[in-house]
Amino acid sequence: QVQLVESGGGLVQAGGSLRLSCAASGRTSSSYVMGWFRQAPGKEREFVAAISWSGRSTSYADSVKGRFTISRDNAMNTGALQMNSLKPEDTAVYYCAAGLRGFAGPLGKFDYWGQGTQVTVSS
């Protein structure tokens, strides 16, 4: 099993940047897809980005393309989501997730989830 802990959330002004981190522990010797999701109050959880084990394949939601960058460091058992040019509509709780069933972009299935970290973008 894989345990995930997000960090790096906070309050930032529109146009600013924030970097979220995801620390993994447990059975990290097994390959897994890492993904990021977000959920705003009153809305359903939505896909943000995903990255394959090797890091050679990535996928982004249309709403964040060109602004967000997903990465991972398997030697350190960490992942990250760099968020630039933030907008108020990016405000949400962001979740890190791990999937054991292969890379499939936004259609991928995820098995483990972090506790979430709050990102608030002020206007």
C-alpha atoms as a PDB file:
ATOM      1  CA  GLN A   1       0.000   0.000   0.000  1.00  0.00           C
ATOM      2  CA  VAL A   2       0.988   3.610  -0.520  1.00  0.00           C
ATOM      3  CA  GLN A   3       0.438   6.459   1.914  1.00  0.00           C
ATOM      4  CA  LEU A   4       0.396  10.022   0.589  1.00  0.00           C
ATOM      5  CA  VAL A   5       0.752  13.360   2.367  1.00  0.00           C
ATOM      6  CA  GLU A   6       0.309  16.693   0.586  1.00  0.00           C
ATOM      7  CA  SER A   7       1.869  19.971   1.663  1.00  0.00           C
ATOM      8  CA  GLY A   8       2.459  23.463   0.316  1.00  0.00           C
ATOM      9  CA  GLY A   9      -1.066  24.811   0.170  1.00  0.00           C
ATOM     10  CA  GLY A  10      -1.892  28.320   1.279  1.00  0.00           C
ATOM     11  CA  LEU A  11      -3.194  31.738   0.309  1.00  0.00           C
ATOM     12  CA  VAL A  12      -1.861  33.482  -2.786  1.00  0.00           C
ATOM     13  CA  GLN A  13      -2.911  36.470  -4.885  1.00  0.00           C
ATOM     14  CA  ALA A  14      -4.193  36.046  -8.429  1.00  0.00           C
ATOM     15  CA  GLY A  15      -1.285  35.786 -10.842  1.00  0.00           C
ATOM     16  CA  GLY A  16       0.967  34.296  -8.206  1.00  0.00           C
ATOM     17  CA  SER A  17       2.556  30.873  -7.914  1.00  0.00           C
ATOM     18  CA  LEU A  18       2.430  27.981  -5.502  1.00  0.00           C
ATOM     19  CA  ARG A  19       4.158  24.595  -5.399  1.00  0.00           C
ATOM     20  CA  LEU A  20       2.427  21.583  -3.889  1.00  0.00           C
ATOM     21  CA  SER A  21       4.379  18.547  -2.730  1.00  0.00           C
ATOM     22  CA  CYS A  22       3.311  14.944  -2.234  1.00  0.00           C
ATOM     23  CA  ALA A  23       5.354  12.629  -0.019  1.00  0.00           C
ATOM     24  CA  ALA A  24       4.812   8.906  -0.540  1.00  0.00           C
ATOM     25  CA  SER A  25       5.564   6.049   1.821  1.00  0.00           C
ATOM     26  CA  GLY A  26       4.776   2.361   2.084  1.00  0.00           C
ATOM     27  CA  ARG A  27       5.150   0.112  -0.956  1.00  0.00           C
ATOM     28  CA  THR A  28       6.887   2.737  -3.043  1.00  0.00           C
ATOM     29  CA  SER A  29       9.116   0.135  -4.696  1.00  0.00           C
ATOM     30  CA  SER A  30       6.136  -0.725  -6.877  1.00  0.00           C
ATOM     31  CA  SER A  31       5.500   1.510  -9.866  1.00  0.00           C
ATOM     32  CA  TYR A  32       2.464   3.743  -9.697  1.00  0.00           C
ATOM     33  CA  VAL A  33       0.867   6.620 -11.530  1.00  0.00           C
ATOM     34  CA  MET A  34       0.705   9.870  -9.586  1.00  0.00           C
ATOM     35  CA  GLY A  35      -2.193  12.247 -10.060  1.00  0.00           C
ATOM     36  CA  TRP A  36      -3.562  15.498  -8.715  1.00  0.00           C
ATOM     37  CA  PHE A  37      -7.237  16.314  -8.250  1.00  0.00           C
ATOM     38  CA  ARG A  38      -9.078  19.251  -6.753  1.00  0.00           C
ATOM     39  CA  GLN A  39     -12.477  19.914  -5.237  1.00  0.00           C
ATOM     40  CA  ALA A  40     -14.101  23.293  -4.653  1.00  0.00           C
ATOM     41  CA  PRO A  41     -16.982  23.781  -2.182  1.00  0.00           C
ATOM     42  CA  GLY A  42     -20.258  22.561  -3.642  1.00  0.00           C
ATOM     43  CA  LYS A  43     -18.568  21.022  -6.678  1.00  0.00           C
ATOM     44  CA  GLU A  44     -17.470  17.515  -7.553  1.00  0.00           C
ATOM     45  CA  ARG A  45     -13.842  16.475  -7.554  1.00  0.00           C
ATOM     46  CA  GLU A  46     -12.086  17.105 -10.858  1.00  0.00           C
ATOM     47  CA  PHE A  47      -8.947  15.827 -12.523  1.00  0.00           C
ATOM     48  CA  VAL A  48      -6.005  18.233 -12.672  1.00  0.00           C
ATOM     49  CA  ALA A  49      -2.921  16.322 -13.847  1.00  0.00           C
ATOM     50  CA  ALA A  50      -1.254  12.903 -13.926  1.00  0.00           C
ATOM     51  CA  ILE A  51       2.231  11.553 -14.533  1.00  0.00           C
ATOM     52  CA  SER A  52       3.485   8.054 -15.328  1.00  0.00           C
ATOM     53  CA  TRP A  53       6.041   6.172 -13.231  1.00  0.00           C
ATOM     54  CA  SER A  54       8.872   7.059 -15.631  1.00  0.00           C
ATOM     55  CA  GLY A  55       7.777  10.674 -15.877  1.00  0.00           C
ATOM     56  CA  ARG A  56       7.746  10.492 -19.673  1.00  0.00           C
ATOM     57  CA  SER A  57       3.968  10.688 -19.950  1.00  0.00           C
ATOM     58  CA  THR A  58       1.884  13.515 -18.521  1.00  0.00           C
ATOM     59  CA  SER A  59      -1.681  14.710 -18.847  1.00  0.00           C
ATOM     60  CA  TYR A  60      -3.366  17.970 -17.848  1.00  0.00           C
ATOM     61  CA  ALA A  61      -6.890  19.255 -17.621  1.00  0.00           C
ATOM     62  CA  ASP A  62      -7.599  21.902 -20.257  1.00  0.00           C
ATOM     63  CA  SER A  63      -8.210  24.475 -17.532  1.00  0.00           C
ATOM     64  CA  VAL A  64      -4.618  24.254 -16.250  1.00  0.00           C
ATOM     65  CA  LYS A  65      -2.594  23.551 -19.407  1.00  0.00           C
ATOM     66  CA  GLY A  66       0.268  25.994 -19.797  1.00  0.00           C
ATOM     67  CA  ARG A  67       0.031  27.084 -16.166  1.00  0.00           C
ATOM     68  CA  PHE A  68       0.595  23.927 -14.091  1.00  0.00           C
ATOM     69  CA  THR A  69       3.463  21.446 -14.281  1.00  0.00           C
ATOM     70  CA  ILE A  70       3.452  17.995 -12.699  1.00  0.00           C
ATOM     71  CA  SER A  71       6.691  16.221 -11.771  1.00  0.00           C
ATOM     72  CA  ARG A  72       8.018  13.410  -9.604  1.00  0.00           C
ATOM     73  CA  ASP A  73      11.258  12.171  -8.066  1.00  0.00           C
ATOM     74  CA  ASN A  74      11.029   8.442  -7.495  1.00  0.00           C
ATOM     75  CA  ALA A  75      14.375   8.284  -5.676  1.00  0.00           C
ATOM     76  CA  MET A  76      12.960  10.695  -3.094  1.00  0.00           C
ATOM     77  CA  ASN A  77       9.447   9.225  -3.192  1.00  0.00           C
ATOM     78  CA  THR A  78       7.968  12.629  -3.882  1.00  0.00           C
ATOM     79  CA  GLY A  79       5.812  14.356  -6.431  1.00  0.00           C
ATOM     80  CA  ALA A  80       5.035  17.989  -7.069  1.00  0.00           C
ATOM     81  CA  LEU A  81       2.565  20.264  -8.780  1.00  0.00           C
ATOM     82  CA  GLN A  82       3.942  23.663  -9.762  1.00  0.00           C
ATOM     83  CA  MET A  83       1.087  26.134 -10.185  1.00  0.00           C
ATOM     84  CA  ASN A  84       1.737  29.434 -11.950  1.00  0.00           C
ATOM     85  CA  SER A  85      -0.519  32.294 -13.047  1.00  0.00           C
ATOM     86  CA  LEU A  86      -3.071  31.256 -10.467  1.00  0.00           C
ATOM     87  CA  LYS A  87      -6.685  32.346 -10.847  1.00  0.00           C
ATOM     88  CA  PRO A  88      -9.484  32.624  -8.263  1.00  0.00           C
ATOM     89  CA  GLU A  89     -11.199  29.667  -9.939  1.00  0.00           C
ATOM     90  CA  ASP A  90      -8.209  27.515  -8.956  1.00  0.00           C
ATOM     91  CA  THR A  91      -9.328  27.794  -5.330  1.00  0.00           C
ATOM     92  CA  ALA A  92      -9.986  24.282  -4.026  1.00  0.00           C
ATOM     93  CA  VAL A  93      -8.725  21.478  -1.844  1.00  0.00           C
ATOM     94  CA  TYR A  94      -6.010  19.691  -3.811  1.00  0.00           C
ATOM     95  CA  TYR A  95      -5.461  15.951  -3.444  1.00  0.00           C
ATOM     96  CA  CYS A  96      -2.514  13.789  -4.420  1.00  0.00           C
ATOM     97  CA  ALA A  97      -3.377  10.291  -5.619  1.00  0.00           C
ATOM     98  CA  ALA A  98      -1.578   7.084  -6.604  1.00  0.00           C
ATOM     99  CA  GLY A  99      -2.841   4.494  -9.078  1.00  0.00           C
ATOM    100  CA  LEU A 100      -1.606   0.961  -9.635  1.00  0.00           C
ATOM    101  CA  ARG A 101      -3.518   0.205 -12.812  1.00  0.00           C
ATOM    102  CA  GLY A 102      -1.473   2.026 -15.409  1.00  0.00           C
ATOM    103  CA  PHE A 103      -1.330   5.469 -16.992  1.00  0.00           C
ATOM    104  CA  ALA A 104      -4.493   6.574 -18.774  1.00  0.00           C
ATOM    105  CA  GLY A 105      -4.489  10.344 -18.365  1.00  0.00           C
ATOM    106  CA  PRO A 106      -7.776  11.714 -17.031  1.00  0.00           C
ATOM    107  CA  LEU A 107      -9.388   8.281 -17.408  1.00  0.00           C
ATOM    108  CA  GLY A 108      -6.934   6.630 -15.036  1.00  0.00           C
ATOM    109  CA  LYS A 109      -8.094   4.890 -11.885  1.00  0.00           C
ATOM    110  CA  PHE A 110      -6.509   5.775  -8.557  1.00  0.00           C
ATOM    111  CA  ASP A 111      -6.259   3.595  -5.476  1.00  0.00           C
ATOM    112  CA  TYR A 112      -4.727   5.772  -2.757  1.00  0.00           C
ATOM    113  CA  TRP A 113      -5.399   9.354  -1.753  1.00  0.00           C
ATOM    114  CA  GLY A 114      -3.820  11.990   0.448  1.00  0.00           C
ATOM    115  CA  GLN A 115      -5.706  14.076   2.997  1.00  0.00           C
ATOM    116  CA  GLY A 116      -5.789  17.192   0.837  1.00  0.00           C
ATOM    117  CA  THR A 117      -4.307  20.667   1.128  1.00  0.00           C
ATOM    118  CA  GLN A 118      -6.190  23.951   0.776  1.00  0.00           C
ATOM    119  CA  VAL A 119      -5.269  26.380  -1.995  1.00  0.00           C
ATOM    120  CA  THR A 120      -6.949  29.781  -1.919  1.00  0.00           C
ATOM    121  CA  VAL A 121      -6.401  32.363  -4.660  1.00  0.00           C
ATOM    122  CA  SER A 122      -7.587  35.864  -3.840  1.00  0.00           C
ATOM    123  CA  SER A 123      -8.795  38.359  -6.426  1.00  0.00           C
END
